[in-house]
Amino acid sequence: MRTVDPAKHAAKRRAIVDAAAGCFAEKGFERTTTADICRAAGISSGSLFHYFPSKRAVFTAIFTDDAAETAERLETAAKAEDPLAELLDIVVEQAGQVAQPGVARIVLEAAAQAARDDEFAQLIHRNDSALRDGLAVLVGRAEDAGLIDPGVPAHAAAGWVAGLIDAMISRAGLDPGLDLAAEQAILRTILIRFLRPVSRPDGG
C-alpha cells in the first residue's frame, strides 16, 4: 500500500492554493476555471481533485488557511511579555499583507462571494470575529499592564483597530501605487496615538 508523506502532501496542497490565489486575484472567482488553476499549478485535473473537490473548495481554502495562520500568530502573541508591541506588529503585518494588490483583490472578491454564498459568508464572519477576539486579548493585557488607555472596552477598541486593517484594503484597491511601507509606518503611529494612556490632571 502506498503511503502518503504528510509534508509533501501539505506542500503540494499549499502550492495549489497559492497558484489558485493568483488566478482568483487576476480573474475573480466566477471567471476562474479549474483548468486555469491546473495550468497555474502545473498539475492535471485529476491531481487537483485529489486535493480539492471543487473550485469553491480551493477558494475557501485560501481563507481557512489564512485564519489558521493568524490564529497561531495571535496565540503566540498572547504569551509575549510586551502585548502592546505584539498588537502593533500584528496589525501592521496584517495590514501590509492584505493591502498587497493581489491579496486586496482576493479580499474584495471574497466580499462579493460572501454576498451570494451564505456558508462562505459565515466563514468570513468567523475569521473576522477570531481576529477581533485575538486583538482584544492583546488590548486587555496591554491595559492591565498600563501600556494603553483603559477607558475603552477591549473588544470595542479591537474592533476599531481591526477596522484600520480593512481601511488599508480599501486604500490599496483605490490606489495600486500605494507605498505600503510608508502607510504601515503611519498606521503604527495612528495606533499608538489612539491607544496611548491618558494622563490624569492629578498625575495618576
Protein backbone atom coordinates (compact mmCIF):
# COMPACT_ATOMS: atom_id res chain seq x y z
CA MET A 1 0.00 0.00 0.00
CA ARG A 2 1.36 3.40 -0.98
CA THR A 3 1.93 5.71 1.97
CA VAL A 4 1.45 9.47 1.83
CA ASP A 5 4.23 11.76 3.01
CA PRO A 6 2.37 14.38 5.10
CA ALA A 7 5.00 17.06 4.47
CA LYS A 8 4.92 16.57 0.70
CA HIS A 9 1.13 16.42 0.69
CA ALA A 10 0.91 19.69 2.65
CA ALA A 11 3.48 21.37 0.40
CA LYS A 12 1.62 20.32 -2.76
CA ARG A 13 -1.68 21.48 -1.33
CA ARG A 14 -0.10 24.82 -0.41
CA ALA A 15 1.30 25.20 -3.93
CA ILE A 16 -2.16 24.59 -5.42
CA VAL A 17 -3.77 27.14 -3.10
CA ASP A 18 -1.10 29.73 -3.91
CA ALA A 19 -1.48 29.17 -7.66
CA ALA A 20 -5.26 29.39 -7.38
CA ALA A 21 -4.99 32.61 -5.39
CA GLY A 22 -3.13 34.18 -8.29
CA CYS A 23 -5.89 33.09 -10.67
CA PHE A 24 -8.67 34.40 -8.43
CA ALA A 25 -6.84 37.71 -7.97
CA GLU A 26 -6.47 38.12 -11.73
CA LYS A 27 -9.83 36.86 -13.00
CA GLY A 28 -12.15 36.73 -9.99
CA PHE A 29 -13.94 33.68 -8.63
CA GLU A 30 -16.63 33.36 -11.30
CA ARG A 31 -14.33 33.65 -14.32
CA THR A 32 -11.58 31.40 -12.94
CA THR A 33 -11.91 27.79 -14.06
CA THR A 34 -10.41 24.61 -12.65
CA ALA A 35 -8.40 24.42 -15.90
CA ASP A 36 -6.90 27.84 -15.07
CA ILE A 37 -5.89 26.58 -11.65
CA CYS A 38 -4.38 23.40 -13.07
CA ARG A 39 -2.32 25.35 -15.59
CA ALA A 40 -1.08 27.78 -12.93
CA ALA A 41 -0.18 24.94 -10.55
CA GLY A 42 1.28 22.74 -13.28
CA ILE A 43 -0.94 19.77 -12.45
CA SER A 44 -3.63 17.65 -14.07
CA SER A 45 -7.30 17.94 -13.23
CA GLY A 46 -7.08 14.53 -11.56
CA SER A 47 -4.36 15.84 -9.26
CA LEU A 48 -6.40 18.91 -8.42
CA PHE A 49 -9.46 16.89 -7.46
CA HIS A 50 -7.28 14.62 -5.32
CA TYR A 51 -6.73 17.63 -3.08
CA PHE A 52 -9.93 19.64 -3.56
CA PRO A 53 -13.39 18.50 -4.67
CA SER A 54 -14.25 21.79 -6.40
CA LYS A 55 -13.13 25.27 -7.37
CA ARG A 56 -15.12 26.63 -4.44
CA ALA A 57 -13.19 24.37 -2.06
CA VAL A 58 -9.89 25.80 -3.31
CA PHE A 59 -11.19 29.34 -2.89
CA THR A 60 -12.41 28.56 0.62
CA ALA A 61 -9.03 27.03 1.50
CA ILE A 62 -7.36 30.40 0.93
CA PHE A 63 -9.34 31.82 3.84
CA THR A 64 -9.32 28.80 6.15
CA ASP A 65 -5.54 28.53 5.78
CA ASP A 66 -5.09 32.23 6.43
CA ALA A 67 -7.33 32.02 9.51
CA ALA A 68 -5.27 29.14 10.89
CA GLU A 69 -2.02 31.06 10.39
CA THR A 70 -3.49 34.17 12.00
CA ALA A 71 -4.79 32.15 14.96
CA GLU A 72 -1.34 30.68 15.53
CA ARG A 73 0.24 34.14 15.37
CA LEU A 74 -2.29 35.53 17.84
CA GLU A 75 -1.81 32.61 20.23
CA THR A 76 1.93 33.19 20.28
CA ALA A 77 1.48 36.95 20.71
CA ALA A 78 -0.87 36.45 23.67
CA LYS A 79 2.02 34.86 25.61
CA ALA A 80 4.56 37.60 24.84
CA GLU A 81 5.98 39.87 27.53
CA ASP A 82 5.04 43.08 25.68
CA PRO A 83 1.42 42.81 24.50
CA LEU A 84 1.37 46.32 23.04
CA ALA A 85 4.39 45.66 20.83
CA GLU A 86 2.80 42.42 19.65
CA LEU A 87 -0.50 44.18 18.97
CA LEU A 88 1.20 46.83 16.86
CA ASP A 89 3.27 44.26 14.98
CA ILE A 90 0.28 42.06 14.18
CA VAL A 91 -1.88 44.92 12.93
CA VAL A 92 0.91 46.31 10.76
CA GLU A 93 1.69 42.82 9.42
CA GLN A 94 -1.95 42.12 8.65
CA ALA A 95 -2.46 45.49 7.01
CA GLY A 96 0.65 45.11 4.90
CA GLN A 97 -0.36 41.63 3.81
CA VAL A 98 -3.94 42.35 2.85
CA ALA A 99 -3.08 45.62 1.16
CA GLN A 100 -0.81 43.94 -1.39
CA PRO A 101 -2.55 44.32 -4.77
CA GLY A 102 -3.22 40.62 -5.37
CA VAL A 103 -4.37 39.95 -1.83
CA ALA A 104 -6.55 43.05 -1.77
CA ARG A 105 -8.32 41.87 -4.93
CA ILE A 106 -8.94 38.44 -3.39
CA VAL A 107 -10.34 40.01 -0.23
CA LEU A 108 -12.70 42.14 -2.31
CA GLU A 109 -13.65 39.06 -4.32
CA ALA A 110 -14.38 37.27 -1.04
CA ALA A 111 -16.80 40.03 -0.10
CA ALA A 112 -18.62 39.53 -3.39
CA GLN A 113 -18.68 35.76 -2.92
CA ALA A 114 -20.00 36.14 0.63
CA ALA A 115 -22.94 38.15 -0.72
CA ARG A 116 -24.12 35.15 -2.74
CA ASP A 117 -22.92 32.23 -0.59
CA ASP A 118 -24.25 32.11 2.97
CA GLU A 119 -21.90 29.33 4.09
CA PHE A 120 -18.88 31.22 2.83
CA ALA A 121 -20.18 34.40 4.46
CA GLN A 122 -20.29 32.58 7.79
CA LEU A 123 -16.67 31.52 7.32
CA ILE A 124 -15.59 35.11 6.71
CA HIS A 125 -17.59 36.26 9.73
CA ARG A 126 -15.89 33.62 11.92
CA ASN A 127 -12.48 34.69 10.65
CA ASP A 128 -13.21 38.35 11.37
CA SER A 129 -14.53 37.53 14.83
CA ALA A 130 -11.50 35.40 15.64
CA LEU A 131 -9.17 38.23 14.62
CA ARG A 132 -11.04 40.75 16.76
CA ASP A 133 -11.12 38.35 19.72
CA GLY A 134 -7.38 37.80 19.43
CA LEU A 135 -6.71 41.52 19.21
CA ALA A 136 -8.99 42.09 22.21
CA VAL A 137 -6.87 39.71 24.28
CA LEU A 138 -3.79 41.78 23.49
CA VAL A 139 -5.62 45.03 24.17
CA GLY A 140 -6.78 43.70 27.52
CA ARG A 141 -3.31 42.56 28.50
CA ALA A 142 -1.85 45.92 27.47
CA GLU A 143 -4.49 47.73 29.51
CA ASP A 144 -3.70 45.59 32.56
CA ALA A 145 -0.03 46.44 32.14
CA GLY A 146 -0.80 50.16 31.99
CA LEU A 147 0.54 50.41 28.44
CA ILE A 148 -2.62 51.78 26.84
CA ASP A 149 -5.71 53.77 27.81
CA PRO A 150 -8.08 51.56 29.81
CA GLY A 151 -11.02 53.86 29.06
CA VAL A 152 -12.23 51.89 26.02
CA PRO A 153 -13.54 48.31 26.43
CA ALA A 154 -11.05 45.83 24.95
CA HIS A 155 -13.43 44.37 22.35
CA ALA A 156 -14.60 47.80 21.24
CA ALA A 157 -11.01 49.00 20.85
CA ALA A 158 -10.11 45.81 18.98
CA GLY A 159 -12.99 46.41 16.58
CA TRP A 160 -11.67 49.84 15.68
CA VAL A 161 -8.14 48.50 15.38
CA ALA A 162 -9.34 45.79 13.00
CA GLY A 163 -11.22 48.47 11.08
CA LEU A 164 -7.92 50.13 10.28
CA ILE A 165 -6.80 46.93 8.59
CA ASP A 166 -9.98 47.00 6.49
CA ALA A 167 -9.25 50.62 5.60
CA MET A 168 -5.88 49.60 4.21
CA ILE A 169 -7.60 47.11 1.91
CA SER A 170 -9.87 49.86 0.57
CA ARG A 171 -6.98 52.25 0.06
CA ALA A 172 -4.95 49.63 -1.77
CA GLY A 173 -7.90 48.86 -4.01
CA LEU A 174 -8.29 52.53 -4.93
CA ASP A 175 -4.58 53.27 -5.25
CA PRO A 176 -2.49 50.44 -6.78
CA GLY A 177 0.63 52.60 -6.38
CA LEU A 178 0.21 52.88 -2.62
CA ASP A 179 3.52 52.95 -0.74
CA LEU A 180 2.82 50.12 1.70
CA ALA A 181 5.92 50.64 3.84
CA ALA A 182 5.06 54.31 4.35
CA GLU A 183 1.42 53.53 5.08
CA GLN A 184 2.37 50.83 7.57
CA ALA A 185 4.54 53.34 9.45
CA ILE A 186 1.67 55.82 9.52
CA LEU A 187 -0.70 53.10 10.73
CA ARG A 188 1.64 52.28 13.61
CA THR A 189 1.73 55.96 14.61
CA ILE A 190 -2.07 56.23 14.48
CA LEU A 191 -2.45 53.14 16.67
CA ILE A 192 0.00 54.42 19.26
CA ARG A 193 -1.80 57.75 19.47
CA PHE A 194 -5.20 56.07 19.68
CA LEU A 195 -4.19 53.58 22.36
CA ARG A 196 -1.73 55.54 24.47
CA PRO A 197 -2.56 56.08 28.16
CA VAL A 198 -4.34 59.32 29.06
CA SER A 199 -2.52 61.45 31.62
CA ARG A 200 -4.73 62.47 34.54
CA PRO A 201 -4.68 66.01 35.95
CA ASP A 202 -3.71 64.61 39.35
CA GLY A 203 -0.76 62.79 37.81
CA GLY A 204 -2.32 59.35 38.45
